[in-house]
Amino acid sequence: MDNNTLKEITLDGVKYVRADLTMQPALLGKRAILVIDRGWIVAGDIEDVGGRIKVSRALHIISWTSIGFNGMVANPKSKNVCIQPLPNGFDVPDDAELFRVPVADDWGL
């Protein structure tokens, strides 16, 4: 059997799928979680303009406990996540961005 062609296997009635086949498609839209220099974590609708990142419908992700970063991304409404709105939005230089995680257009709202 060629392991490169094996896509799934069933053991005791449970189907297991190769990890490289379970990648989620990229989310379309412009909302993302941004991790910014100096420890700021924010979310909002992102627009890259002239060397700056403009964020509207912005949220400050203050903290999350017991669920990890992935848990916070998956469930921003959890009681373990503390998020506050930034009603005026903001912008930062694009070189302040460490990374971004695309999320659904209604994430955290």
Protein backbone atom coordinates (compact mmCIF):
# COMPACT_ATOMS: atom_id res chain seq x y z
CA MET A 1 0.00 0.00 0.00
CA ASP A 2 1.33 3.46 -0.94
CA ASN A 3 0.98 5.74 2.14
CA ASN A 4 0.88 8.84 -0.08
CA THR A 5 -2.50 7.80 -1.48
CA LEU A 6 -4.12 6.91 1.86
CA LYS A 7 -6.57 9.72 2.63
CA GLU A 8 -8.64 8.28 5.48
CA ILE A 9 -8.96 5.23 7.69
CA THR A 10 -11.74 3.92 9.92
CA LEU A 11 -10.96 2.28 13.26
CA ASP A 12 -13.73 1.02 15.52
CA GLY A 13 -16.28 3.05 13.57
CA VAL A 14 -14.36 6.34 13.83
CA LYS A 15 -13.11 7.94 10.61
CA TYR A 16 -9.63 9.54 10.72
CA VAL A 17 -8.47 11.88 7.94
CA ARG A 18 -4.91 12.89 7.06
CA ALA A 19 -4.01 16.19 8.72
CA ASP A 20 -2.79 17.76 5.49
CA LEU A 21 -6.25 17.24 4.00
CA THR A 22 -8.12 19.07 6.78
CA MET A 23 -6.85 22.60 6.16
CA GLN A 24 -9.61 25.20 6.23
CA PRO A 25 -9.94 27.42 3.17
CA ALA A 26 -8.84 31.01 3.68
CA LEU A 27 -11.60 33.26 4.93
CA LEU A 28 -12.70 35.89 2.49
CA GLY A 29 -13.35 39.38 3.77
CA LYS A 30 -11.29 41.93 5.55
CA ARG A 31 -11.68 41.14 9.27
CA ALA A 32 -8.66 39.80 11.14
CA ILE A 33 -7.02 39.49 14.52
CA LEU A 34 -3.77 41.46 14.56
CA VAL A 35 -0.88 40.79 16.88
CA ILE A 36 1.04 44.04 17.07
CA ASP A 37 4.44 44.95 18.44
CA ARG A 38 4.61 45.49 22.21
CA GLY A 39 1.94 42.90 22.99
CA TRP A 40 -1.21 44.51 21.63
CA ILE A 41 -3.81 42.11 20.24
CA VAL A 42 -6.69 43.68 18.37
CA ALA A 43 -9.31 42.69 15.84
CA GLY A 44 -11.21 44.58 13.22
CA ASP A 45 -11.77 45.28 9.58
CA ILE A 46 -8.30 45.71 8.12
CA GLU A 47 -7.23 47.96 5.30
CA ASP A 48 -3.58 48.33 4.25
CA VAL A 49 -3.09 51.91 3.04
CA GLY A 50 0.17 53.70 2.31
CA GLY A 51 2.37 51.83 4.76
CA ARG A 52 -0.22 51.86 7.54
CA ILE A 53 -2.81 49.36 8.76
CA LYS A 54 -6.18 51.03 9.29
CA VAL A 55 -8.56 49.16 11.61
CA SER A 56 -12.29 49.91 11.82
CA ARG A 57 -15.01 48.16 13.86
CA ALA A 58 -12.06 47.61 16.17
CA LEU A 59 -11.84 45.47 19.30
CA HIS A 60 -9.08 45.26 21.90
CA ILE A 61 -8.55 41.66 23.00
CA ILE A 62 -7.46 42.25 26.57
CA SER A 63 -7.10 38.69 27.83
CA TRP A 64 -8.21 35.07 27.63
CA THR A 65 -7.78 32.34 30.21
CA SER A 66 -7.76 28.55 30.18
CA ILE A 67 -8.57 28.22 26.46
CA GLY A 68 -5.39 29.28 24.65
CA PHE A 69 -5.07 31.54 21.64
CA ASN A 70 -6.86 29.06 19.35
CA GLY A 71 -9.77 28.82 21.81
CA MET A 72 -10.09 32.61 21.84
CA VAL A 73 -10.06 32.71 18.03
CA ALA A 74 -12.67 29.94 17.83
CA ASN A 75 -14.99 31.38 20.51
CA PRO A 76 -14.58 35.13 21.18
CA LYS A 77 -17.87 35.17 23.13
CA SER A 78 -16.52 32.72 25.74
CA LYS A 79 -16.69 33.85 29.37
CA ASN A 80 -12.92 33.26 29.38
CA VAL A 81 -12.30 36.04 26.84
CA CYS A 82 -12.20 39.75 27.71
CA ILE A 83 -12.79 42.02 24.69
CA GLN A 84 -13.55 45.73 24.64
CA PRO A 85 -14.56 47.88 21.68
CA LEU A 86 -12.30 50.63 20.34
CA PRO A 87 -15.11 52.80 18.97
CA ASN A 88 -12.93 55.24 17.04
CA GLY A 89 -10.80 52.62 15.30
CA PHE A 90 -7.09 53.25 14.85
CA ASP A 91 -4.15 52.78 12.55
CA VAL A 92 -0.58 51.61 13.05
CA PRO A 93 2.53 51.48 10.88
CA ASP A 94 2.54 48.25 8.87
CA ASP A 95 5.93 47.23 10.28
CA ALA A 96 4.35 47.02 13.77
CA GLU A 97 2.38 43.93 12.68
CA LEU A 98 3.80 40.62 13.88
CA PHE A 99 1.07 38.48 12.31
CA ARG A 100 -2.65 38.42 11.49
CA VAL A 101 -5.29 35.71 11.64
CA PRO A 102 -8.21 36.06 9.19
CA VAL A 103 -11.60 35.67 10.89
CA ALA A 104 -15.26 35.87 9.89
CA ASP A 105 -16.68 39.32 9.15
CA ASP A 106 -18.77 39.28 12.35
CA TRP A 107 -16.00 37.97 14.63
CA GLY A 108 -16.22 39.36 18.16
CA LEU A 109 -19.21 41.61 17.46
